[in-house]
Protein backbone atom coordinates (compact mmCIF):
# COMPACT_ATOMS: atom_id res chain seq x y z
CA MET A 1 2.08 7.00 -21.20
CA SER A 2 -0.99 4.68 -20.22
CA GLY A 3 -4.38 6.53 -20.17
CA PRO A 4 -6.83 6.35 -17.64
CA GLY A 5 -8.43 3.21 -18.70
CA SER A 6 -5.22 1.35 -19.51
CA PRO A 7 -4.24 -1.54 -16.88
CA PRO A 8 -1.17 -0.99 -14.70
CA PRO A 9 2.01 -2.03 -16.25
CA PRO A 10 3.41 -5.65 -14.98
CA SER A 11 6.11 -5.60 -12.40
CA PRO A 12 9.44 -7.07 -13.40
CA LEU A 13 9.69 -10.85 -13.30
CA LEU A 14 12.30 -10.96 -10.52
CA LYS A 15 10.09 -8.73 -8.27
CA ARG A 16 6.77 -10.88 -8.88
CA VAL A 17 8.36 -13.87 -7.59
CA PRO A 18 8.05 -14.15 -3.60
CA PRO A 19 11.26 -13.98 -1.57
CA GLY A 20 10.12 -17.29 0.19
CA LEU A 21 10.14 -19.08 -3.38
CA TRP A 22 13.72 -17.96 -3.90
CA THR A 23 14.50 -19.35 -0.62
CA ALA A 24 12.84 -22.68 -1.28
CA LEU A 25 14.49 -22.93 -4.79
CA VAL A 26 18.01 -22.31 -3.71
CA TRP A 27 17.73 -24.55 -0.53
CA PHE A 28 16.14 -27.42 -2.45
CA VAL A 29 18.56 -27.28 -5.49
CA ALA A 30 21.43 -27.49 -2.93
CA ALA A 31 19.89 -30.10 -1.06
CA VAL A 32 18.78 -32.45 -3.93
CA GLU A 33 21.93 -32.43 -5.88
CA PRO A 34 23.95 -34.64 -3.14
CA ILE A 35 21.02 -37.00 -3.01
CA LEU A 36 21.12 -37.54 -6.88
CA ARG A 37 24.92 -37.88 -6.96
CA TYR A 38 25.55 -39.87 -4.02
CA VAL A 39 22.07 -41.99 -3.48
CA VAL A 40 20.24 -42.05 -6.67
CA TYR A 41 22.78 -42.53 -9.06
CA PRO A 42 25.25 -45.51 -8.93
CA PRO A 43 28.39 -45.03 -6.54
CA ALA A 44 31.26 -43.63 -8.28
CA ARG A 45 34.90 -44.89 -7.62
CA GLY A 46 35.85 -41.72 -5.67
CA TYR A 47 34.00 -40.33 -2.65
CA SER A 48 33.66 -36.74 -1.35
CA LEU A 49 34.98 -35.35 1.87
CA ASP A 50 31.72 -33.55 2.45
CA TYR A 51 29.47 -36.45 2.17
CA PRO A 52 29.88 -39.88 3.80
CA GLU A 53 30.26 -42.92 1.71
CA ASP A 54 27.28 -44.88 2.67
CA GLY A 55 25.04 -41.58 1.92
CA LEU A 56 21.51 -41.97 3.64
CA ARG A 57 21.38 -45.67 4.27
CA PRO A 58 20.71 -45.22 7.93
CA LEU A 59 16.98 -44.85 8.54
CA SER A 60 17.68 -41.98 11.11
CA ALA A 61 19.49 -39.88 8.05
CA ARG A 62 16.50 -40.00 5.93
CA LEU A 63 14.29 -38.95 8.65
CA LEU A 64 16.47 -36.02 9.51
CA LEU A 65 16.83 -34.92 6.00
CA ALA A 66 12.85 -35.28 5.56
CA LEU A 67 12.56 -33.03 8.80
CA ALA A 68 15.13 -30.58 7.07
CA PHE A 69 12.95 -30.36 3.97
CA ALA A 70 9.69 -29.63 5.93
CA LEU A 71 11.42 -26.93 8.24
CA VAL A 72 12.60 -25.23 5.15
CA LEU A 73 9.25 -25.31 3.39
CA VAL A 74 7.37 -24.06 5.98
CA GLY A 75 9.83 -21.34 6.76
CA SER A 76 9.65 -20.54 3.22
CA ALA A 77 5.90 -20.30 3.21
CA LEU A 78 5.88 -17.91 6.29
CA LEU A 79 8.61 -15.70 5.20
CA ARG A 80 6.29 -12.78 4.47
CA ARG A 81 3.63 -12.98 7.39
CA ARG A 82 6.17 -14.18 10.26
CA THR A 83 9.59 -13.28 8.87
CA LEU A 84 11.64 -13.92 11.99
CA LEU A 85 10.04 -17.42 12.70
CA ALA A 86 10.68 -18.25 9.02
CA TYR A 87 14.16 -17.04 9.40
CA GLY A 88 14.72 -19.52 12.46
CA LEU A 89 12.95 -22.47 10.66
CA VAL A 90 15.20 -22.10 7.56
CA VAL A 91 18.39 -22.17 9.77
CA ALA A 92 17.33 -24.89 11.77
CA GLY A 93 16.54 -27.00 8.35
CA THR A 94 20.13 -25.94 7.34
CA VAL A 95 21.42 -27.49 10.56
CA VAL A 96 19.26 -30.49 10.46
CA SER A 97 20.49 -31.10 6.85
CA THR A 98 24.12 -31.24 8.19
CA LEU A 99 23.20 -33.67 10.87
CA ALA A 100 21.51 -35.79 8.27
CA TRP A 101 24.66 -36.16 6.12
CA ARG A 102 26.83 -36.29 9.17
CA GLN A 103 28.78 -33.13 8.16
CA ASP A 104 30.89 -30.95 10.20
CA GLU A 105 30.25 -27.79 8.06
CA VAL A 106 27.48 -26.21 6.10
CA PRO A 107 27.99 -26.58 2.23
CA THR A 108 28.45 -23.14 0.51
CA LEU A 109 25.87 -23.62 -1.84
CA GLN A 110 23.23 -24.63 0.48
CA PHE A 111 24.06 -21.71 2.91
CA LEU A 112 22.90 -19.37 0.32
CA ALA A 113 19.27 -19.83 1.23
CA VAL A 114 20.16 -18.49 4.54
CA ASP A 115 21.83 -15.68 2.88
CA VAL A 116 18.56 -14.73 1.00
CA VAL A 117 16.49 -14.70 4.12
CA VAL A 118 19.15 -12.38 5.71
CA ALA A 119 18.79 -10.04 2.99
CA TYR A 120 14.94 -10.13 3.18
CA VAL A 121 15.04 -9.45 7.09
CA ALA A 122 17.44 -6.51 6.58
CA ALA A 123 15.05 -5.17 3.90
CA THR A 124 11.92 -5.44 5.58
CA ARG A 125 12.67 -5.27 9.35
CA GLY A 126 14.35 -2.65 11.79
CA ARG A 127 18.21 -2.61 12.03
CA ARG A 128 18.20 -4.34 15.22
CA GLU A 129 16.43 -7.29 14.11
CA SER A 130 18.28 -7.73 11.00
CA LEU A 131 21.74 -7.56 13.02
CA VAL A 132 20.51 -10.11 15.11
CA ALA A 133 19.45 -12.33 12.24
CA ALA A 134 22.97 -11.79 10.59
CA GLY A 135 24.70 -12.57 13.95
CA VAL A 136 22.66 -15.78 14.25
CA ALA A 137 23.92 -16.80 10.91
CA VAL A 138 27.68 -16.05 11.67
CA GLY A 139 27.34 -17.45 15.11
CA MET A 140 26.02 -20.72 13.49
CA LEU A 141 29.29 -21.02 11.30
CA ALA A 142 31.32 -20.13 14.28
CA ALA A 143 29.89 -22.94 16.10
CA TYR A 144 30.68 -25.47 13.45
CA GLY A 145 34.30 -24.22 13.30
CA VAL A 146 34.50 -24.59 17.21
CA THR A 147 33.05 -28.22 16.87
CA ARG A 148 35.65 -29.42 14.39
CA ALA A 149 38.56 -27.78 16.60
CA VAL A 150 37.16 -29.51 19.79
CA ALA A 151 36.64 -33.02 17.90
CA GLY A 152 40.05 -32.79 16.13
CA THR A 153 38.48 -33.42 12.66
CA HIS A 154 39.73 -30.30 10.90
CA SER A 155 41.12 -31.11 7.34
CA GLY A 156 41.78 -28.80 4.42
CA THR A 157 40.95 -25.11 3.92
CA VAL A 158 38.38 -23.63 6.61
CA ALA A 159 35.22 -22.39 4.55
CA GLU A 160 33.56 -20.41 7.16
CA PRO A 161 35.13 -16.94 6.90
CA TYR A 162 34.30 -16.70 3.21
CA VAL A 163 30.79 -17.86 4.07
CA ALA A 164 30.54 -15.21 6.76
CA LEU A 165 31.52 -12.77 4.03
CA THR A 166 28.45 -13.66 1.88
CA VAL A 167 26.16 -12.98 5.10
CA ALA A 168 27.91 -9.56 5.49
CA VAL A 169 27.34 -9.06 1.58
CA ALA A 170 23.39 -10.16 1.92
CA TRP A 171 22.93 -7.94 5.10
CA LEU A 172 24.48 -4.92 3.18
CA VAL A 173 22.19 -5.52 0.09
CA GLY A 174 18.74 -5.92 2.23
CA ASN A 175 19.96 -3.01 4.18
CA SER A 176 20.46 -0.79 1.25
CA VAL A 177 16.79 -1.81 0.03
CA HIS A 178 15.46 -0.81 3.35
CA GLN A 179 17.10 2.71 3.37
CA ALA A 180 15.94 3.31 -0.03
CA ARG A 181 12.48 2.45 0.94
CA ALA A 182 12.82 4.66 4.08
CA HIS A 183 14.08 7.76 1.83
CA THR A 184 11.11 7.21 -0.70
CA ARG A 185 8.81 7.26 2.41
CA GLU A 186 10.55 10.70 3.51
CA LEU A 187 10.36 12.09 0.00
CA ASN A 188 6.80 11.49 -0.08
CA ALA A 189 6.21 12.97 3.00
CA ARG A 190 8.00 16.01 1.91
CA ALA A 191 6.20 16.12 -1.22
CA ALA A 192 2.78 16.10 0.92
CA ALA A 193 4.01 18.78 2.99
CA GLN A 194 4.85 20.69 -0.05
CA ALA A 195 1.27 20.28 -1.43
CA VAL A 196 -0.35 21.43 1.65
CA THR A 197 1.79 24.71 1.26
CA ALA A 198 0.85 25.19 -2.29
CA GLU A 199 -2.66 24.66 -1.40
CA ARG A 200 -2.67 27.22 1.05
CA LEU A 201 -0.60 29.50 -0.94
CA ARG A 202 -3.15 29.26 -3.77
CA ILE A 203 -6.00 29.95 -1.26
CA ALA A 204 -4.02 33.08 -0.14
CA ARG A 205 -3.83 34.39 -3.84
CA GLU A 206 -7.45 33.88 -4.18
CA MET A 207 -8.31 35.87 -1.13
CA HIS A 208 -5.80 38.50 -2.26
CA ASP A 209 -7.19 38.83 -5.90
CA THR A 210 -11.12 38.51 -4.85
CA VAL A 211 -11.74 39.33 -1.02
CA ALA A 212 -9.27 41.99 -0.76
CA HIS A 213 -10.70 43.73 -3.92
CA SER A 214 -14.12 43.46 -2.70
CA ILE A 215 -13.33 44.85 0.78
CA GLY A 216 -11.78 47.73 -1.01
CA VAL A 217 -14.83 48.37 -3.06
CA ILE A 218 -17.05 48.22 0.09
CA ALA A 219 -14.75 50.71 1.74
CA LEU A 220 -14.97 53.31 -0.96
CA GLN A 221 -18.67 52.86 -2.02
CA ALA A 222 -19.32 53.25 1.91
CA GLY A 223 -17.15 56.42 2.11
CA ALA A 224 -18.91 57.96 -0.87
CA ALA A 225 -22.18 57.23 0.67
CA ALA A 226 -21.46 58.81 3.82
CA ARG A 227 -20.40 62.18 2.01
CA VAL A 228 -23.38 62.29 -0.04
CA VAL A 229 -25.97 61.15 2.26
CA GLY A 230 -27.43 64.30 3.26
CA THR A 231 -27.21 65.90 -0.21
CA GLN A 232 -27.77 63.28 -2.81
CA PRO A 233 -29.64 60.28 -1.00
CA GLU A 234 -30.37 58.42 -4.42
CA LYS A 235 -26.63 58.18 -5.08
CA ALA A 236 -26.13 57.18 -1.37
CA ARG A 237 -28.68 54.47 -1.82
CA GLU A 238 -26.95 53.21 -4.88
CA ALA A 239 -23.70 52.89 -3.10
CA MET A 240 -24.91 51.07 -0.41
CA LEU A 241 -26.65 48.52 -2.59
CA THR A 242 -23.39 48.13 -4.19
CA VAL A 243 -21.92 47.56 -0.78
CA GLU A 244 -24.50 45.00 -0.09
CA ARG A 245 -23.99 43.10 -3.28
CA ALA A 246 -20.00 43.37 -2.64
CA GLY A 247 -20.65 41.87 0.88
CA ARG A 248 -22.56 39.10 -0.24
CA GLU A 249 -20.16 38.04 -2.80
CA THR A 250 -17.20 38.29 -0.28
CA LEU A 251 -19.32 36.34 2.33
CA ALA A 252 -19.89 33.41 -0.41
CA GLY A 253 -16.23 33.38 -1.32
CA LEU A 254 -15.04 33.40 2.18
CA ARG A 255 -17.28 30.35 3.11
CA ARG A 256 -16.04 28.47 -0.12
CA MET A 257 -12.33 29.07 1.11
CA LEU A 258 -12.97 28.20 4.76
CA GLY A 259 -14.68 24.79 3.74
CA SER A 260 -11.85 23.96 1.43
CA LEU A 261 -9.31 24.54 4.29
CA ARG A 262 -11.56 22.39 6.82
CA GLN A 263 -11.46 19.77 4.20
CA ALA A 264 -7.79 20.09 3.87
CA ASP A 265 -7.04 20.06 7.73
CA ALA A 266 -9.42 16.75 8.02
CA GLU A 267 -7.55 14.87 5.56
CA GLY A 268 -4.01 16.00 6.51
CA GLU A 269 -3.34 16.79 2.88
CA GLY A 270 -3.53 20.15 0.84
CA GLY A 271 -5.14 18.24 -2.17
CA GLY A 272 -8.61 17.78 -0.75
CA ASP A 273 -10.95 15.53 -2.25
CA ARG A 274 -10.64 17.81 -5.58
CA MET A 275 -14.22 17.49 -5.66
CA GLY A 276 -14.79 21.48 -5.70
CA PRO A 277 -16.88 23.46 -3.25
CA GLY A 278 -20.80 22.58 -2.93
CA THR A 279 -19.98 18.67 -3.16
CA ALA A 280 -20.94 18.32 0.36
CA ALA A 281 -24.65 19.59 -0.50
CA GLY A 282 -24.89 16.77 -2.93
CA PRO A 283 -26.02 13.06 -2.28
CA VAL A 284 -22.59 12.05 -1.35
CA GLY A 285 -21.52 14.50 1.22
CA TRP A 286 -20.44 12.21 4.09
CA GLY A 287 -18.46 14.67 6.12
CA ALA A 288 -15.12 14.31 7.30
CA GLY A 289 -14.71 10.57 7.56
CA GLY A 290 -11.15 9.12 6.77
CA ARG A 291 -11.34 5.21 7.53
CA LEU A 292 -12.27 2.20 5.64
CA SER A 293 -14.60 1.70 8.59
CA ASP A 294 -16.62 4.45 7.54
CA VAL A 295 -17.50 2.74 3.87
CA PRO A 296 -20.70 1.11 5.43
CA ARG A 297 -21.91 4.58 6.45
CA LEU A 298 -21.18 6.02 2.98
CA ALA A 299 -22.97 3.07 1.28
CA ALA A 300 -25.93 3.69 3.65
CA THR A 301 -26.24 7.49 3.03
CA THR A 302 -25.81 7.02 -0.67
CA THR A 303 -28.49 4.26 -0.87
CA ALA A 304 -30.92 6.54 1.26
CA ALA A 305 -30.38 9.22 -1.43
CA GLY A 306 -31.60 6.68 -4.38
CA PHE A 307 -28.46 5.44 -5.47
CA GLY A 308 -27.73 1.76 -4.54
CA VAL A 309 -24.21 0.88 -3.42
CA ASP A 310 -22.94 -3.12 -2.81
CA VAL A 311 -19.89 -3.53 -0.82
CA THR A 312 -17.67 -6.53 -0.71
CA TRP A 313 -15.04 -7.12 1.84
CA ARG A 314 -12.48 -9.87 1.20
CA GLY A 315 -8.93 -10.87 2.75
CA GLU A 316 -7.84 -10.56 6.33
CA GLY A 317 -8.86 -7.60 8.43
CA ARG A 318 -5.39 -6.54 9.57
CA PRO A 319 -4.60 -2.92 10.69
CA LEU A 320 -3.76 -0.55 7.82
CA PRO A 321 -1.16 2.21 7.94
CA GLY A 322 -3.06 5.53 8.39
CA GLU A 323 -2.03 6.96 5.04
CA VAL A 324 -3.35 3.70 3.08
CA ASP A 325 -6.48 3.77 5.25
CA LEU A 326 -7.37 7.39 4.30
CA ALA A 327 -6.33 7.18 0.72
CA ALA A 328 -8.56 3.97 0.06
CA PHE A 329 -11.51 5.69 1.78
CA ARG A 330 -11.31 8.80 -0.38
CA ILE A 331 -10.78 6.82 -3.55
CA ILE A 332 -13.95 4.88 -3.02
CA GLN A 333 -15.67 8.16 -1.84
CA GLU A 334 -14.73 10.14 -5.13
CA ALA A 335 -15.37 6.90 -7.27
CA VAL A 336 -18.88 6.57 -5.97
CA THR A 337 -19.60 10.18 -6.33
CA ASN A 338 -18.65 10.16 -10.06
CA ALA A 339 -20.97 6.94 -10.41
CA VAL A 340 -23.88 9.05 -8.96
CA ARG A 341 -23.05 12.18 -11.08
CA HIS A 342 -22.05 10.63 -14.25
CA SER A 343 -22.94 7.10 -14.86
CA GLY A 344 -26.33 7.14 -15.50
CA ALA A 345 -26.80 3.78 -13.60
CA GLY A 346 -28.86 3.02 -10.53
CA SER A 347 -26.20 1.64 -8.53
CA CYS A 348 -22.34 0.77 -8.45
CA HIS A 349 -20.32 -2.12 -6.48
CA VAL A 350 -17.49 -1.37 -4.21
CA THR A 351 -14.85 -4.41 -3.60
CA VAL A 352 -12.24 -3.98 -0.83
CA ASP A 353 -9.87 -6.66 -0.73
CA GLN A 354 -6.82 -6.71 1.57
CA ARG A 355 -3.98 -8.80 0.52
CA GLU A 356 -0.78 -9.92 2.26
CA ASP A 357 0.97 -7.12 0.97
CA GLU A 358 -1.49 -4.85 -0.90
CA LEU A 359 -4.96 -3.35 -0.71
CA VAL A 360 -7.09 -3.48 -3.77
CA VAL A 361 -9.99 -1.18 -4.24
CA GLU A 362 -12.25 -1.50 -7.00
CA VAL A 363 -15.57 0.59 -7.87
CA SER A 364 -17.56 -0.41 -10.89
CA ASP A 365 -21.02 0.46 -12.46
CA ASP A 366 -23.00 -0.66 -15.21
CA GLY A 367 -23.90 2.83 -16.65
CA ALA A 368 -22.79 4.85 -19.59
CA GLY A 369 -19.20 3.78 -19.50
CA GLY A 370 -17.22 6.00 -21.97
CA GLY A 371 -20.18 7.82 -23.45
CA ALA A 372 -21.70 11.00 -22.36
CA GLY A 373 -21.77 10.11 -18.89
CA GLU A 374 -18.28 9.07 -17.29
CA GLY A 375 -16.55 10.27 -20.48
CA GLY A 376 -17.86 13.73 -20.00
CA ALA A 377 -16.20 13.76 -16.58
CA VAL A 378 -12.81 12.54 -17.85
CA ALA A 379 -13.12 15.08 -20.84
CA GLY A 380 -14.13 17.81 -18.65
CA SER A 381 -12.20 18.93 -15.64
CA GLY A 382 -11.42 15.42 -14.41
CA TYR A 383 -10.21 16.55 -11.13
CA GLY A 384 -11.77 13.54 -9.14
CA LEU A 385 -9.67 10.96 -11.33
CA LEU A 386 -6.63 13.45 -11.02
CA GLY A 387 -6.93 13.48 -7.12
CA MET A 388 -7.22 9.52 -6.95
CA ARG A 389 -4.34 9.11 -9.36
CA GLU A 390 -2.23 11.45 -7.18
CA ARG A 391 -3.38 9.85 -3.90
CA VAL A 392 -2.07 6.39 -5.41
CA ALA A 393 1.19 7.73 -6.88
CA LEU A 394 2.12 9.05 -3.41
CA LEU A 395 1.86 5.82 -2.11
CA HIS A 396 3.78 3.99 -4.90
CA GLY A 397 0.64 2.12 -5.94
CA ASP A 398 -1.16 1.41 -9.23
CA PHE A 399 -4.18 3.15 -10.48
CA ALA A 400 -6.35 2.49 -13.59
CA ALA A 401 -9.67 4.12 -14.53
CA GLY A 402 -11.61 3.48 -17.68
CA PRO A 403 -14.65 2.14 -19.49
CA ARG A 404 -15.46 -1.51 -18.78
CA PRO A 405 -15.99 -4.01 -21.90
CA GLY A 406 -19.57 -3.70 -23.02
CA SER A 407 -20.93 -1.02 -20.62
CA GLY A 408 -20.06 0.80 -17.43
CA PHE A 409 -16.95 2.21 -15.79
CA LEU A 410 -14.47 0.71 -13.44
CA VAL A 411 -11.84 2.27 -11.01
CA THR A 412 -9.05 0.13 -9.59
CA ALA A 413 -6.53 1.13 -7.13
CA ARG A 414 -3.72 -1.14 -5.63
CA LEU A 415 -2.08 0.29 -2.54
CA PRO A 416 0.97 -1.51 -1.34
CA VAL A 417 1.04 -2.29 2.52
CA GLU A 418 4.51 -3.02 3.63
CA ALA A 419 5.07 -5.49 6.28
CA GLY A 420 5.43 -4.63 9.86
CA ILE A 421 3.86 -1.40 9.64
CA THR A 422 0.36 -1.03 11.22
CA GLY A 423 -1.81 1.82 12.09
CA HIS A 424 -5.72 1.92 11.85
CA GLY A 425 -7.94 -0.88 11.84
CA ALA A 426 -8.83 -2.02 8.45
CA ALA A 427 -12.86 -2.01 8.17
CA GLY A 428 -15.25 -2.32 10.84
CA VAL A 429 -16.29 -5.58 9.22
CA PRO A 430 -14.90 -9.10 9.80
CA ALA A 431 -13.02 -10.72 6.85
CA GLY A 432 -14.75 -12.44 4.25
CA VAL A 433 -18.19 -11.04 4.76
CA THR A 434 -20.21 -8.89 2.30
CA ALA A 435 -21.30 -5.54 3.29
CA ARG A 436 -24.37 -4.88 1.03
CA ALA A 437 -26.55 -1.70 0.77
CA GLY A 438 -29.64 -2.42 -1.07
CA THR A 439 -30.79 -0.42 -4.04
CA GLY A 440 -33.44 2.14 -4.02
CA ALA A 441 -34.24 5.13 -1.94
CA GLY A 442 -34.54 4.70 1.90
CA THR A 443 -33.00 1.26 1.95
CA GLY A 444 -30.35 1.01 4.84
CA ALA A 445 -27.11 -0.77 4.82
CA GLU A 446 -27.10 -4.59 5.60
CA VAL A 447 -24.14 -6.33 6.42
CA ARG A 448 -24.11 -10.26 6.22
């Protein structure tokens, strides 16, 4: 099991290769093989029924094949960002390739690239869109069969039924991945609901053990004071003082519990920020903000309190799912709080990097690092780091926190953002700019 400062384990190699690269590799290998056999190498004695004897000698054939390569290359590059458009480009490139070779069917090996895209569409898009994509592939195969039947060029075994079977298998594989992800999200939602219930039960138990007991003491002491107030005023006075002390303690406990409940309601989670009561009274009490668009205000408030916060924004400012937006803000909030309390430094740096399929948040300082500062926080209660790690785990991300080489402390969270799911806006700062809060008390946040 990795420690707080250890880097996240690398993903398997197959998962790190983008789906667009798989599509391009499969299609290009299938497209280059006949070029080498029938164009580059010396002509053989025999010839293939699938490829013409004169190969690509006509200029029009070469231009069509170059167009096919371009279409598939662009489609592979756009597969994650514009999935349906990319699928159409790959299908079009496959059809143009058969026109270049003057074929009346799609070679089975080359059609595997279309199968890869069908599986990706089924895994990342809705069922209706994935079924349309699979239907387009099957319809293209049927069109080749009808064309041969009309032209009377049919010879040998018909390959379209077998190729259509590969389309069905690819769709089933992609749909299984889609269902598995949906089931995982449902389990995460149930886990979050159970966390809310567990937190409220914990508060109920605390109220029973403390508040209910104090109220009982107050009732007993008030009754005793009422009975002896006429005959023993000193004992009645002592009983009323006891009632006052118990009432004040009970009121303080109720305030703490109500604050915890309000915090849980504002977040939509039971775990809260795990910073404990009284955090809002510190220099980093930013209220109930819950989006990345609140980070500039967070930085300005902390800087005004005497601890500088620099914020750098990178990537595209696309909308984010609500749970990712909230988790990223809370992680930044807690990490800056830890830096203020434990680092011993005068400032920290926050980086928000919105990438194609993930949101990366980093908070670093140049303070004591693993010494008495941050180390004390980790060795102590550690609820802040535990809360951040739990938030990231619920979203199936990666989390790392630990001393930096030399000095300082670094918190890194990687939150996956699934394609096609949107929610709140990212941050209220344009992509590619730097939001900087200057160091020193009373300095406001500056965006540039």
